[in-house]
Amino acid sequence: KYYPNVRFVRYADDVIVHCKTPQESHAVLEAIRIRLHACGLRL
């Protein structure tokens, strides 16, 4: 929904997220960190 331009592969709790640029990678990683924390999970 929020990052339709990235690609990801998830095998259970092993997750790889593919990005185009380092800026996009850092932004997506920080957003994932916040999202997981809101759902009781941590990186």
PDB file of all heavy atoms in Angstrom:
ATOM      1  N   LYS A   1       0.816  -1.215   0.000  1.00  0.00           N
ATOM      2  CA  LYS A   1       0.000   0.000   0.000  1.00  0.00           C
ATOM      3  C   LYS A   1       0.849   1.266   0.000  1.00  0.00           C
ATOM      4  O   LYS A   1       0.597   2.194  -0.787  1.00  0.00           O
ATOM      5  CB  LYS A   1      -0.933  -0.002   1.211  1.00  0.00           C
ATOM      6  CG  LYS A   1      -1.836   1.220   1.285  1.00  0.00           C
ATOM      7  CD  LYS A   1      -2.787   1.125   2.481  1.00  0.00           C
ATOM      8  CE  LYS A   1      -3.702   2.340   2.555  1.00  0.00           C
ATOM      9  NZ  LYS A   1      -4.641   2.258   3.713  1.00  0.00           N
ATOM     10  N   TYR A   2       1.846   1.325   0.876  1.00  0.00           N
ATOM     11  CA  TYR A   2       2.586   2.569   1.073  1.00  0.00           C
ATOM     12  C   TYR A   2       3.898   2.645   0.286  1.00  0.00           C
ATOM     13  O   TYR A   2       4.427   3.735   0.080  1.00  0.00           O
ATOM     14  CB  TYR A   2       2.863   2.775   2.564  1.00  0.00           C
ATOM     15  CG  TYR A   2       1.608   3.027   3.367  1.00  0.00           C
ATOM     16  CD1 TYR A   2       1.035   2.018   4.130  1.00  0.00           C
ATOM     17  CD2 TYR A   2       0.971   4.268   3.324  1.00  0.00           C
ATOM     18  CE1 TYR A   2      -0.128   2.237   4.860  1.00  0.00           C
ATOM     19  CE2 TYR A   2      -0.193   4.501   4.044  1.00  0.00           C
ATOM     20  CZ  TYR A   2      -0.737   3.476   4.807  1.00  0.00           C
ATOM     21  OH  TYR A   2      -1.890   3.705   5.522  1.00  0.00           O
ATOM     22  N   TYR A   3       4.419   1.517  -0.142  1.00  0.00           N
ATOM     23  CA  TYR A   3       5.678   1.505  -0.901  1.00  0.00           C
ATOM     24  C   TYR A   3       5.542   0.572  -2.109  1.00  0.00           C
ATOM     25  O   TYR A   3       6.231  -0.441  -2.222  1.00  0.00           O
ATOM     26  CB  TYR A   3       6.841   1.078  -0.002  1.00  0.00           C
ATOM     27  CG  TYR A   3       7.096   2.064   1.107  1.00  0.00           C
ATOM     28  CD1 TYR A   3       6.512   1.880   2.359  1.00  0.00           C
ATOM     29  CD2 TYR A   3       7.875   3.193   0.895  1.00  0.00           C
ATOM     30  CE1 TYR A   3       6.712   2.800   3.376  1.00  0.00           C
ATOM     31  CE2 TYR A   3       8.087   4.123   1.908  1.00  0.00           C
ATOM     32  CZ  TYR A   3       7.498   3.926   3.147  1.00  0.00           C
ATOM     33  OH  TYR A   3       7.693   4.839   4.148  1.00  0.00           O
ATOM     34  N   PRO A   4       4.662   0.929  -3.042  1.00  0.00           N
ATOM     35  CA  PRO A   4       4.394   0.038  -4.187  1.00  0.00           C
ATOM     36  C   PRO A   4       5.568  -0.111  -5.148  1.00  0.00           C
ATOM     37  O   PRO A   4       5.577  -1.043  -5.954  1.00  0.00           O
ATOM     38  CB  PRO A   4       3.195   0.714  -4.875  1.00  0.00           C
ATOM     39  CG  PRO A   4       3.297   2.155  -4.489  1.00  0.00           C
ATOM     40  CD  PRO A   4       3.850   2.155  -3.090  1.00  0.00           C
ATOM     41  N   ASN A   5       6.560   0.779  -5.047  1.00  0.00           N
ATOM     42  CA  ASN A   5       7.684   0.718  -5.980  1.00  0.00           C
ATOM     43  C   ASN A   5       8.803  -0.211  -5.527  1.00  0.00           C
ATOM     44  O   ASN A   5       9.700  -0.513  -6.318  1.00  0.00           O
ATOM     45  CB  ASN A   5       8.252   2.122  -6.202  1.00  0.00           C
ATOM     46  CG  ASN A   5       7.272   3.023  -6.945  1.00  0.00           C
ATOM     47  OD1 ASN A   5       6.516   2.556  -7.795  1.00  0.00           O
ATOM     48  ND2 ASN A   5       7.269   4.307  -6.615  1.00  0.00           N
ATOM     49  N   VAL A   6       8.777  -0.642  -4.276  1.00  0.00           N
ATOM     50  CA  VAL A   6       9.803  -1.578  -3.826  1.00  0.00           C
ATOM     51  C   VAL A   6       9.299  -3.002  -4.062  1.00  0.00           C
ATOM     52  O   VAL A   6       8.117  -3.238  -4.302  1.00  0.00           O
ATOM     53  CB  VAL A   6      10.149  -1.377  -2.322  1.00  0.00           C
ATOM     54  CG1 VAL A   6      10.518   0.067  -2.051  1.00  0.00           C
ATOM     55  CG2 VAL A   6       9.026  -1.851  -1.414  1.00  0.00           C
ATOM     56  N   ARG A   7      10.209  -3.943  -4.013  1.00  0.00           N
ATOM     57  CA  ARG A   7       9.862  -5.357  -4.096  1.00  0.00           C
ATOM     58  C   ARG A   7      10.361  -6.038  -2.825  1.00  0.00           C
ATOM     59  O   ARG A   7      11.343  -5.607  -2.227  1.00  0.00           O
ATOM     60  CB  ARG A   7      10.502  -6.002  -5.329  1.00  0.00           C
ATOM     61  CG  ARG A   7      10.010  -5.437  -6.650  1.00  0.00           C
ATOM     62  CD  ARG A   7       8.547  -5.785  -6.897  1.00  0.00           C
ATOM     63  NE  ARG A   7       8.056  -5.213  -8.140  1.00  0.00           N
ATOM     64  CZ  ARG A   7       7.447  -4.035  -8.233  1.00  0.00           C
ATOM     65  NH1 ARG A   7       7.263  -3.301  -7.135  1.00  0.00           N
ATOM     66  NH2 ARG A   7       7.027  -3.588  -9.391  1.00  0.00           N
ATOM     67  N   PHE A   8       9.684  -7.078  -2.419  1.00  0.00           N
ATOM     68  CA  PHE A   8      10.125  -7.805  -1.228  1.00  0.00           C
ATOM     69  C   PHE A   8       9.864  -9.286  -1.398  1.00  0.00           C
ATOM     70  O   PHE A   8       9.008  -9.714  -2.185  1.00  0.00           O
ATOM     71  CB  PHE A   8       9.440  -7.272   0.044  1.00  0.00           C
ATOM     72  CG  PHE A   8       7.964  -7.571   0.132  1.00  0.00           C
ATOM     73  CD1 PHE A   8       7.509  -8.698   0.808  1.00  0.00           C
ATOM     74  CD2 PHE A   8       7.030  -6.723  -0.453  1.00  0.00           C
ATOM     75  CE1 PHE A   8       6.154  -8.984   0.889  1.00  0.00           C
ATOM     76  CE2 PHE A   8       5.670  -6.997  -0.373  1.00  0.00           C
ATOM     77  CZ  PHE A   8       5.234  -8.132   0.300  1.00  0.00           C
ATOM     78  N   VAL A   9      10.631 -10.067  -0.660  1.00  0.00           N
ATOM     79  CA  VAL A   9      10.473 -11.515  -0.606  1.00  0.00           C
ATOM     80  C   VAL A   9      10.464 -11.891   0.869  1.00  0.00           C
ATOM     81  O   VAL A   9      11.403 -11.565   1.599  1.00  0.00           O
ATOM     82  CB  VAL A   9      11.615 -12.255  -1.333  1.00  0.00           C
ATOM     83  CG1 VAL A   9      11.485 -13.765  -1.138  1.00  0.00           C
ATOM     84  CG2 VAL A   9      11.614 -11.912  -2.815  1.00  0.00           C
ATOM     85  N   ARG A  10       9.406 -12.561   1.284  1.00  0.00           N
ATOM     86  CA  ARG A  10       9.307 -12.968   2.696  1.00  0.00           C
ATOM     87  C   ARG A  10       9.154 -14.481   2.780  1.00  0.00           C
ATOM     88  O   ARG A  10       8.290 -15.060   2.124  1.00  0.00           O
ATOM     89  CB  ARG A  10       8.121 -12.287   3.388  1.00  0.00           C
ATOM     90  CG  ARG A  10       8.035 -12.649   4.877  1.00  0.00           C
ATOM     91  CD  ARG A  10       6.973 -11.850   5.596  1.00  0.00           C
ATOM     92  NE  ARG A  10       5.630 -12.157   5.138  1.00  0.00           N
ATOM     93  CZ  ARG A  10       4.923 -13.244   5.507  1.00  0.00           C
ATOM     94  NH1 ARG A  10       5.461 -14.148   6.303  1.00  0.00           N
ATOM     95  NH2 ARG A  10       3.704 -13.427   5.037  1.00  0.00           N
ATOM     96  N   TYR A  11      10.009 -15.089   3.599  1.00  0.00           N
ATOM     97  CA  TYR A  11       9.884 -16.512   3.896  1.00  0.00           C
ATOM     98  C   TYR A  11       9.710 -16.611   5.404  1.00  0.00           C
ATOM     99  O   TYR A  11      10.677 -16.506   6.159  1.00  0.00           O
ATOM    100  CB  TYR A  11      11.112 -17.291   3.439  1.00  0.00           C
ATOM    101  CG  TYR A  11      10.911 -18.790   3.441  1.00  0.00           C
ATOM    102  CD1 TYR A  11      10.513 -19.457   2.284  1.00  0.00           C
ATOM    103  CD2 TYR A  11      11.076 -19.534   4.610  1.00  0.00           C
ATOM    104  CE1 TYR A  11      10.304 -20.828   2.286  1.00  0.00           C
ATOM    105  CE2 TYR A  11      10.866 -20.899   4.618  1.00  0.00           C
ATOM    106  CZ  TYR A  11      10.485 -21.546   3.459  1.00  0.00           C
ATOM    107  OH  TYR A  11      10.262 -22.907   3.472  1.00  0.00           O
ATOM    108  N   ALA A  12       8.449 -16.750   5.859  1.00  0.00           N
ATOM    109  CA  ALA A  12       8.107 -16.684   7.289  1.00  0.00           C
ATOM    110  C   ALA A  12       8.582 -15.330   7.817  1.00  0.00           C
ATOM    111  O   ALA A  12       8.162 -14.301   7.307  1.00  0.00           O
ATOM    112  CB  ALA A  12       8.698 -17.865   8.047  1.00  0.00           C
ATOM    113  N   ASP A  13       9.509 -15.315   8.790  1.00  0.00           N
ATOM    114  CA  ASP A  13       9.962 -14.033   9.340  1.00  0.00           C
ATOM    115  C   ASP A  13      11.292 -13.584   8.755  1.00  0.00           C
ATOM    116  O   ASP A  13      11.894 -12.630   9.245  1.00  0.00           O
ATOM    117  CB  ASP A  13      10.050 -14.105  10.865  1.00  0.00           C
ATOM    118  CG  ASP A  13      11.004 -15.184  11.357  1.00  0.00           C
ATOM    119  OD1 ASP A  13      11.147 -16.211  10.668  1.00  0.00           O
ATOM    120  OD2 ASP A  13      11.592 -15.015  12.439  1.00  0.00           O
ATOM    121  N   ASP A  14      11.769 -14.252   7.709  1.00  0.00           N
ATOM    122  CA  ASP A  14      12.962 -13.808   6.979  1.00  0.00           C
ATOM    123  C   ASP A  14      12.513 -12.934   5.809  1.00  0.00           C
ATOM    124  O   ASP A  14      11.801 -13.402   4.910  1.00  0.00           O
ATOM    125  CB  ASP A  14      13.762 -15.007   6.442  1.00  0.00           C
ATOM    126  CG  ASP A  14      14.468 -15.767   7.546  1.00  0.00           C
ATOM    127  OD1 ASP A  14      14.816 -15.136   8.560  1.00  0.00           O
ATOM    128  OD2 ASP A  14      14.669 -16.984   7.409  1.00  0.00           O
ATOM    129  N   VAL A  15      12.943 -11.661   5.825  1.00  0.00           N
ATOM    130  CA  VAL A  15      12.423 -10.694   4.853  1.00  0.00           C
ATOM    131  C   VAL A  15      13.565  -9.976   4.153  1.00  0.00           C
ATOM    132  O   VAL A  15      14.507  -9.506   4.790  1.00  0.00           O
ATOM    133  CB  VAL A  15      11.520  -9.647   5.537  1.00  0.00           C
ATOM    134  CG1 VAL A  15      10.811  -8.786   4.484  1.00  0.00           C
ATOM    135  CG2 VAL A  15      10.501 -10.315   6.451  1.00  0.00           C
ATOM    136  N   ILE A  16      13.469  -9.909   2.828  1.00  0.00           N
ATOM    137  CA  ILE A  16      14.392  -9.141   2.002  1.00  0.00           C
ATOM    138  C   ILE A  16      13.567  -8.095   1.244  1.00  0.00           C
ATOM    139  O   ILE A  16      12.598  -8.446   0.563  1.00  0.00           O
ATOM    140  CB  ILE A  16      15.136 -10.044   0.993  1.00  0.00           C
ATOM    141  CG1 ILE A  16      15.960 -11.107   1.708  1.00  0.00           C
ATOM    142  CG2 ILE A  16      16.010  -9.198   0.077  1.00  0.00           C
ATOM    143  CD1 ILE A  16      17.090 -10.568   2.554  1.00  0.00           C
ATOM    144  N   VAL A  17      13.954  -6.817   1.367  1.00  0.00           N
ATOM    145  CA  VAL A  17      13.254  -5.732   0.670  1.00  0.00           C
ATOM    146  C   VAL A  17      14.218  -5.124  -0.350  1.00  0.00           C
ATOM    147  O   VAL A  17      15.358  -4.789  -0.021  1.00  0.00           O
ATOM    148  CB  VAL A  17      12.777  -4.646   1.647  1.00  0.00           C
ATOM    149  CG1 VAL A  17      12.025  -3.542   0.899  1.00  0.00           C
ATOM    150  CG2 VAL A  17      11.877  -5.249   2.726  1.00  0.00           C
ATOM    151  N   HIS A  18      13.760  -4.989  -1.594  1.00  0.00           N
ATOM    152  CA  HIS A  18      14.594  -4.494  -2.692  1.00  0.00           C
ATOM    153  C   HIS A  18      14.215  -3.053  -3.025  1.00  0.00           C
ATOM    154  O   HIS A  18      13.037  -2.748  -3.234  1.00  0.00           O
ATOM    155  CB  HIS A  18      14.405  -5.357  -3.934  1.00  0.00           C
ATOM    156  CG  HIS A  18      14.732  -6.807  -3.709  1.00  0.00           C
ATOM    157  ND1 HIS A  18      15.984  -7.333  -3.936  1.00  0.00           N
ATOM    158  CD2 HIS A  18      13.967  -7.838  -3.263  1.00  0.00           C
ATOM    159  CE1 HIS A  18      15.979  -8.626  -3.652  1.00  0.00           C
ATOM    160  NE2 HIS A  18      14.763  -8.957  -3.251  1.00  0.00           N
ATOM    161  N   CYS A  19      15.224  -2.183  -3.089  1.00  0.00           N
ATOM    162  CA  CYS A  19      15.007  -0.768  -3.380  1.00  0.00           C
ATOM    163  C   CYS A  19      15.905  -0.320  -4.537  1.00  0.00           C
ATOM    164  O   CYS A  19      16.869  -1.001  -4.891  1.00  0.00           O
ATOM    165  CB  CYS A  19      15.301   0.086  -2.140  1.00  0.00           C
ATOM    166  SG  CYS A  19      14.287  -0.328  -0.695  1.00  0.00           S
ATOM    167  N   LYS A  20      15.588   0.860  -5.075  1.00  0.00           N
ATOM    168  CA  LYS A  20      16.340   1.391  -6.218  1.00  0.00           C
ATOM    169  C   LYS A  20      17.531   2.246  -5.803  1.00  0.00           C
ATOM    170  O   LYS A  20      18.540   2.292  -6.508  1.00  0.00           O
ATOM    171  CB  LYS A  20      15.410   2.221  -7.106  1.00  0.00           C
ATOM    172  CG  LYS A  20      14.400   1.409  -7.906  1.00  0.00           C
ATOM    173  CD  LYS A  20      15.072   0.668  -9.069  1.00  0.00           C
ATOM    174  CE  LYS A  20      14.059   0.027  -9.997  1.00  0.00           C
ATOM    175  NZ  LYS A  20      14.697  -0.706 -11.118  1.00  0.00           N
ATOM    176  N   THR A  21      17.409   2.971  -4.687  1.00  0.00           N
ATOM    177  CA  THR A  21      18.458   3.914  -4.282  1.00  0.00           C
ATOM    178  C   THR A  21      18.762   3.761  -2.798  1.00  0.00           C
ATOM    179  O   THR A  21      17.935   3.240  -2.032  1.00  0.00           O
ATOM    180  CB  THR A  21      18.015   5.367  -4.538  1.00  0.00           C
ATOM    181  OG1 THR A  21      16.915   5.674  -3.660  1.00  0.00           O
ATOM    182  CG2 THR A  21      17.598   5.569  -5.996  1.00  0.00           C
ATOM    183  N   PRO A  22      19.937   4.253  -2.359  1.00  0.00           N
ATOM    184  CA  PRO A  22      20.223   4.210  -0.918  1.00  0.00           C
ATOM    185  C   PRO A  22      19.269   5.087  -0.124  1.00  0.00           C
ATOM    186  O   PRO A  22      18.892   4.741   1.010  1.00  0.00           O
ATOM    187  CB  PRO A  22      21.669   4.718  -0.835  1.00  0.00           C
ATOM    188  CG  PRO A  22      21.908   5.472  -2.101  1.00  0.00           C
ATOM    189  CD  PRO A  22      21.070   4.794  -3.130  1.00  0.00           C
ATOM    190  N   GLN A  23      18.851   6.219  -0.685  1.00  0.00           N
ATOM    191  CA  GLN A  23      17.910   7.096   0.018  1.00  0.00           C
ATOM    192  C   GLN A  23      16.578   6.379   0.262  1.00  0.00           C
ATOM    193  O   GLN A  23      16.005   6.455   1.359  1.00  0.00           O
ATOM    194  CB  GLN A  23      17.677   8.384  -0.787  1.00  0.00           C
ATOM    195  CG  GLN A  23      18.896   9.268  -0.941  1.00  0.00           C
ATOM    196  CD  GLN A  23      19.849   8.828  -2.039  1.00  0.00           C
ATOM    197  OE1 GLN A  23      19.561   7.885  -2.792  1.00  0.00           O
ATOM    198  NE2 GLN A  23      20.994   9.495  -2.140  1.00  0.00           N
ATOM    199  N   GLU A  24      16.111   5.685  -0.779  1.00  0.00           N
ATOM    200  CA  GLU A  24      14.864   4.931  -0.637  1.00  0.00           C
ATOM    201  C   GLU A  24      15.031   3.825   0.402  1.00  0.00           C
ATOM    202  O   GLU A  24      14.130   3.592   1.225  1.00  0.00           O
ATOM    203  CB  GLU A  24      14.460   4.335  -1.979  1.00  0.00           C
ATOM    204  CG  GLU A  24      13.129   3.590  -1.950  1.00  0.00           C
ATOM    205  CD  GLU A  24      12.760   3.008  -3.301  1.00  0.00           C
ATOM    206  OE1 GLU A  24      13.614   2.318  -3.914  1.00  0.00           O
ATOM    207  OE2 GLU A  24      11.624   3.234  -3.747  1.00  0.00           O
ATOM    208  N   SER A  25      16.182   3.147   0.413  1.00  0.00           N
ATOM    209  CA  SER A  25      16.431   2.067   1.370  1.00  0.00           C
ATOM    210  C   SER A  25      16.354   2.565   2.803  1.00  0.00           C
ATOM    211  O   SER A  25      15.711   1.947   3.660  1.00  0.00           O
ATOM    212  CB  SER A  25      17.811   1.442   1.116  1.00  0.00           C
ATOM    213  OG  SER A  25      17.903   0.921  -0.190  1.00  0.00           O
ATOM    214  N   HIS A  26      16.998   3.687   3.082  1.00  0.00           N
ATOM    215  CA  HIS A  26      16.989   4.228   4.448  1.00  0.00           C
ATOM    216  C   HIS A  26      15.585   4.674   4.856  1.00  0.00           C
ATOM    217  O   HIS A  26      15.169   4.446   6.003  1.00  0.00           O
ATOM    218  CB  HIS A  26      17.967   5.403   4.545  1.00  0.00           C
ATOM    219  CG  HIS A  26      19.405   4.976   4.617  1.00  0.00           C
ATOM    220  ND1 HIS A  26      19.984   4.499   5.774  1.00  0.00           N
ATOM    221  CD2 HIS A  26      20.372   4.938   3.660  1.00  0.00           C
ATOM    222  CE1 HIS A  26      21.260   4.203   5.541  1.00  0.00           C
ATOM    223  NE2 HIS A  26      21.516   4.450   4.260  1.00  0.00           N
ATOM    224  N   ALA A  27      14.867   5.293   3.938  1.00  0.00           N
ATOM    225  CA  ALA A  27      13.516   5.768   4.252  1.00  0.00           C
ATOM    226  C   ALA A  27      12.574   4.600   4.526  1.00  0.00           C
ATOM    227  O   ALA A  27      11.788   4.626   5.489  1.00  0.00           O
ATOM    228  CB  ALA A  27      12.986   6.625   3.102  1.00  0.00           C
ATOM    229  N   VAL A  28      12.649   3.568   3.688  1.00  0.00           N
ATOM    230  CA  VAL A  28      11.784   2.398   3.860  1.00  0.00           C
ATOM    231  C   VAL A  28      12.141   1.656   5.145  1.00  0.00           C
ATOM    232  O   VAL A  28      11.255   1.214   5.891  1.00  0.00           O
ATOM    233  CB  VAL A  28      11.877   1.464   2.635  1.00  0.00           C
ATOM    234  CG1 VAL A  28      11.127   0.163   2.888  1.00  0.00           C
ATOM    235  CG2 VAL A  28      11.315   2.158   1.399  1.00  0.00           C
ATOM    236  N   LEU A  29      13.434   1.514   5.427  1.00  0.00           N
ATOM    237  CA  LEU A  29      13.848   0.821   6.642  1.00  0.00           C
ATOM    238  C   LEU A  29      13.337   1.533   7.891  1.00  0.00           C
ATOM    239  O   LEU A  29      12.838   0.884   8.814  1.00  0.00           O
ATOM    240  CB  LEU A  29      15.377   0.721   6.689  1.00  0.00           C
ATOM    241  CG  LEU A  29      15.975   0.100   7.965  1.00  0.00           C
ATOM    242  CD1 LEU A  29      15.406  -1.285   8.230  1.00  0.00           C
ATOM    243  CD2 LEU A  29      17.496   0.047   7.863  1.00  0.00           C
ATOM    244  N   GLU A  30      13.447   2.852   7.924  1.00  0.00           N
ATOM    245  CA  GLU A  30      12.957   3.584   9.090  1.00  0.00           C
ATOM    246  C   GLU A  30      11.445   3.452   9.226  1.00  0.00           C
ATOM    247  O   GLU A  30      10.912   3.292  10.341  1.00  0.00           O
ATOM    248  CB  GLU A  30      13.350   5.056   8.979  1.00  0.00           C
ATOM    249  CG  GLU A  30      12.976   5.903  10.191  1.00  0.00           C
ATOM    250  CD  GLU A  30      13.572   5.379  11.486  1.00  0.00           C
ATOM    251  OE1 GLU A  30      14.641   4.732  11.457  1.00  0.00           O
ATOM    252  OE2 GLU A  30      12.950   5.589  12.554  1.00  0.00           O
ATOM    253  N   ALA A  31      10.727   3.484   8.104  1.00  0.00           N
ATOM    254  CA  ALA A  31       9.276   3.319   8.143  1.00  0.00           C
ATOM    255  C   ALA A  31       8.897   1.912   8.628  1.00  0.00           C
ATOM    256  O   ALA A  31       7.942   1.751   9.406  1.00  0.00           O
ATOM    257  CB  ALA A  31       8.684   3.569   6.757  1.00  0.00           C
ATOM    258  N   ILE A  32       9.626   0.901   8.189  1.00  0.00           N
ATOM    259  CA  ILE A  32       9.379  -0.473   8.643  1.00  0.00           C
ATOM    260  C   ILE A  32       9.627  -0.586  10.138  1.00  0.00           C
ATOM    261  O   ILE A  32       8.854  -1.225  10.864  1.00  0.00           O
ATOM    262  CB  ILE A  32      10.267  -1.466   7.868  1.00  0.00           C
ATOM    263  CG1 ILE A  32       9.800  -1.590   6.417  1.00  0.00           C
ATOM    264  CG2 ILE A  32      10.254  -2.847   8.539  1.00  0.00           C
ATOM    265  CD1 ILE A  32      10.713  -2.430   5.546  1.00  0.00           C
ATOM    266  N   ARG A  33      10.689   0.049  10.606  1.00  0.00           N
ATOM    267  CA  ARG A  33      11.013   0.005  12.028  1.00  0.00           C
ATOM    268  C   ARG A  33       9.855   0.567  12.872  1.00  0.00           C
ATOM    269  O   ARG A  33       9.463  -0.012  13.887  1.00  0.00           O
ATOM    270  CB  ARG A  33      12.296   0.798  12.291  1.00  0.00           C
ATOM    271  CG  ARG A  33      12.988   0.441  13.592  1.00  0.00           C
ATOM    272  CD  ARG A  33      14.191   1.346  13.818  1.00  0.00           C
ATOM    273  NE  ARG A  33      15.133   1.342  12.707  1.00  0.00           N
ATOM    274  CZ  ARG A  33      16.075   0.432  12.548  1.00  0.00           C
ATOM    275  NH1 ARG A  33      16.190  -0.558  13.417  1.00  0.00           N
ATOM    276  NH2 ARG A  33      16.896   0.515  11.516  1.00  0.00           N
ATOM    277  N   ILE A  34       9.304   1.691  12.423  1.00  0.00           N
ATOM    278  CA  ILE A  34       8.191   2.325  13.135  1.00  0.00           C
ATOM    279  C   ILE A  34       6.943   1.438  13.055  1.00  0.00           C
ATOM    280  O   ILE A  34       6.221   1.258  14.045  1.00  0.00           O
ATOM    281  CB  ILE A  34       7.911   3.728  12.551  1.00  0.00           C
ATOM    282  CG1 ILE A  34       9.109   4.654  12.813  1.00  0.00           C
ATOM    283  CG2 ILE A  34       6.635   4.316  13.130  1.00  0.00           C
ATOM    284  CD1 ILE A  34       9.034   5.969  12.067  1.00  0.00           C
ATOM    285  N   ARG A  35       6.680   0.895  11.888  1.00  0.00           N
ATOM    286  CA  ARG A  35       5.508   0.035  11.683  1.00  0.00           C
ATOM    287  C   ARG A  35       5.573  -1.204  12.585  1.00  0.00           C
ATOM    288  O   ARG A  35       4.596  -1.542  13.255  1.00  0.00           O
ATOM    289  CB  ARG A  35       5.428  -0.387  10.218  1.00  0.00           C
ATOM    290  CG  ARG A  35       4.408  -1.460   9.891  1.00  0.00           C
ATOM    291  CD  ARG A  35       2.993  -0.990  10.136  1.00  0.00           C
ATOM    292  NE  ARG A  35       2.027  -2.004   9.705  1.00  0.00           N
ATOM    293  CZ  ARG A  35       0.712  -1.902   9.883  1.00  0.00           C
ATOM    294  NH1 ARG A  35       0.199  -0.836  10.485  1.00  0.00           N
ATOM    295  NH2 ARG A  35      -0.103  -2.856   9.460  1.00  0.00           N
ATOM    296  N   LEU A  36       6.706  -1.867  12.609  1.00  0.00           N
ATOM    297  CA  LEU A  36       6.838  -3.070  13.436  1.00  0.00           C
ATOM    298  C   LEU A  36       6.687  -2.745  14.917  1.00  0.00           C
ATOM    299  O   LEU A  36       6.054  -3.491  15.666  1.00  0.00           O
ATOM    300  CB  LEU A  36       8.185  -3.742  13.174  1.00  0.00           C
ATOM    301  CG  LEU A  36       8.399  -4.356  11.787  1.00  0.00           C
ATOM    302  CD1 LEU A  36       9.763  -5.031  11.705  1.00  0.00           C
ATOM    303  CD2 LEU A  36       7.309  -5.368  11.451  1.00  0.00           C
ATOM    304  N   HIS A  37       7.271  -1.633  15.335  1.00  0.00           N
ATOM    305  CA  HIS A  37       7.163  -1.234  16.744  1.00  0.00           C
ATOM    306  C   HIS A  37       5.710  -1.014  17.140  1.00  0.00           C
ATOM    307  O   HIS A  37       5.281  -1.386  18.245  1.00  0.00           O
ATOM    308  CB  HIS A  37       7.987   0.035  16.996  1.00  0.00           C
ATOM    309  CG  HIS A  37       8.028   0.441  18.435  1.00  0.00           C
ATOM    310  ND1 HIS A  37       7.135   1.349  18.980  1.00  0.00           N
ATOM    311  CD2 HIS A  37       8.833   0.040  19.464  1.00  0.00           C
ATOM    312  CE1 HIS A  37       7.395   1.500  20.261  1.00  0.00           C
ATOM    313  NE2 HIS A  37       8.423   0.721  20.582  1.00  0.00           N
ATOM    314  N   ALA A  38       4.922  -0.432  16.234  1.00  0.00           N
ATOM    315  CA  ALA A  38       3.503  -0.202  16.509  1.00  0.00           C
ATOM    316  C   ALA A  38       2.724  -1.507  16.623  1.00  0.00           C
ATOM    317  O   ALA A  38       1.647  -1.547  17.229  1.00  0.00           O
ATOM    318  CB  ALA A  38       2.900   0.673  15.411  1.00  0.00           C
ATOM    319  N   CYS A  39       3.276  -2.578  16.051  1.00  0.00           N
ATOM    320  CA  CYS A  39       2.618  -3.890  16.069  1.00  0.00           C
ATOM    321  C   CYS A  39       3.292  -4.863  17.027  1.00  0.00           C
ATOM    322  O   CYS A  39       3.110  -6.082  16.924  1.00  0.00           O
ATOM    323  CB  CYS A  39       2.581  -4.475  14.661  1.00  0.00           C
ATOM    324  SG  CYS A  39       1.660  -3.469  13.471  1.00  0.00           S
ATOM    325  N   GLY A  40       4.085  -4.335  17.950  1.00  0.00           N
ATOM    326  CA  GLY A  40       4.688  -5.170  18.983  1.00  0.00           C
ATOM    327  C   GLY A  40       5.930  -5.923  18.579  1.00  0.00           C
ATOM    328  O   GLY A  40       6.357  -6.841  19.278  1.00  0.00           O
ATOM    329  N   LEU A  41       6.540  -5.540  17.460  1.00  0.00           N
ATOM    330  CA  LEU A  41       7.730  -6.232  16.970  1.00  0.00           C
ATOM    331  C   LEU A  41       8.918  -5.279  16.893  1.00  0.00           C
ATOM    332  O   LEU A  41       8.745  -4.055  16.832  1.00  0.00           O
ATOM    333  CB  LEU A  41       7.473  -6.838  15.586  1.00  0.00           C
ATOM    334  CG  LEU A  41       6.334  -7.850  15.482  1.00  0.00           C
ATOM    335  CD1 LEU A  41       6.106  -8.242  14.029  1.00  0.00           C
ATOM    336  CD2 LEU A  41       6.615  -9.087  16.330  1.00  0.00           C
ATOM    337  N   ARG A  42      10.128  -5.853  16.881  1.00  0.00           N
ATOM    338  CA  ARG A  42      11.344  -5.051  16.814  1.00  0.00           C
ATOM    339  C   ARG A  42      12.316  -5.639  15.798  1.00  0.00           C
ATOM    340  O   ARG A  42      12.390  -6.855  15.641  1.00  0.00           O
ATOM    341  CB  ARG A  42      12.044  -5.003  18.181  1.00  0.00           C
ATOM    342  CG  ARG A  42      11.273  -4.316  19.292  1.00  0.00           C
ATOM    343  CD  ARG A  42      11.994  -4.532  20.610  1.00  0.00           C
ATOM    344  NE  ARG A  42      12.008  -5.948  20.969  1.00  0.00           N
ATOM    345  CZ  ARG A  42      12.867  -6.496  21.824  1.00  0.00           C
ATOM    346  NH1 ARG A  42      13.821  -5.760  22.368  1.00  0.00           N
ATOM    347  NH2 ARG A  42      12.791  -7.778  22.118  1.00  0.00           N
ATOM    348  N   LEU A  43      13.051  -4.750  15.149  1.00  0.00           N
ATOM    349  CA  LEU A  43      14.148  -5.196  14.297  1.00  0.00           C
ATOM    350  C   LEU A  43      15.409  -5.332  15.136  1.00  0.00           C
ATOM    351  O   LEU A  43      15.650  -4.538  16.043  1.00  0.00           O
ATOM    352  CB  LEU A  43      14.396  -4.193  13.169  1.00  0.00           C
ATOM    353  CG  LEU A  43      13.378  -4.137  12.038  1.00  0.00           C
ATOM    354  CD1 LEU A  43      13.773  -3.059  11.038  1.00  0.00           C
ATOM    355  CD2 LEU A  43      13.256  -5.483  11.339  1.00  0.00           C
TER     356      LEU A  43
END
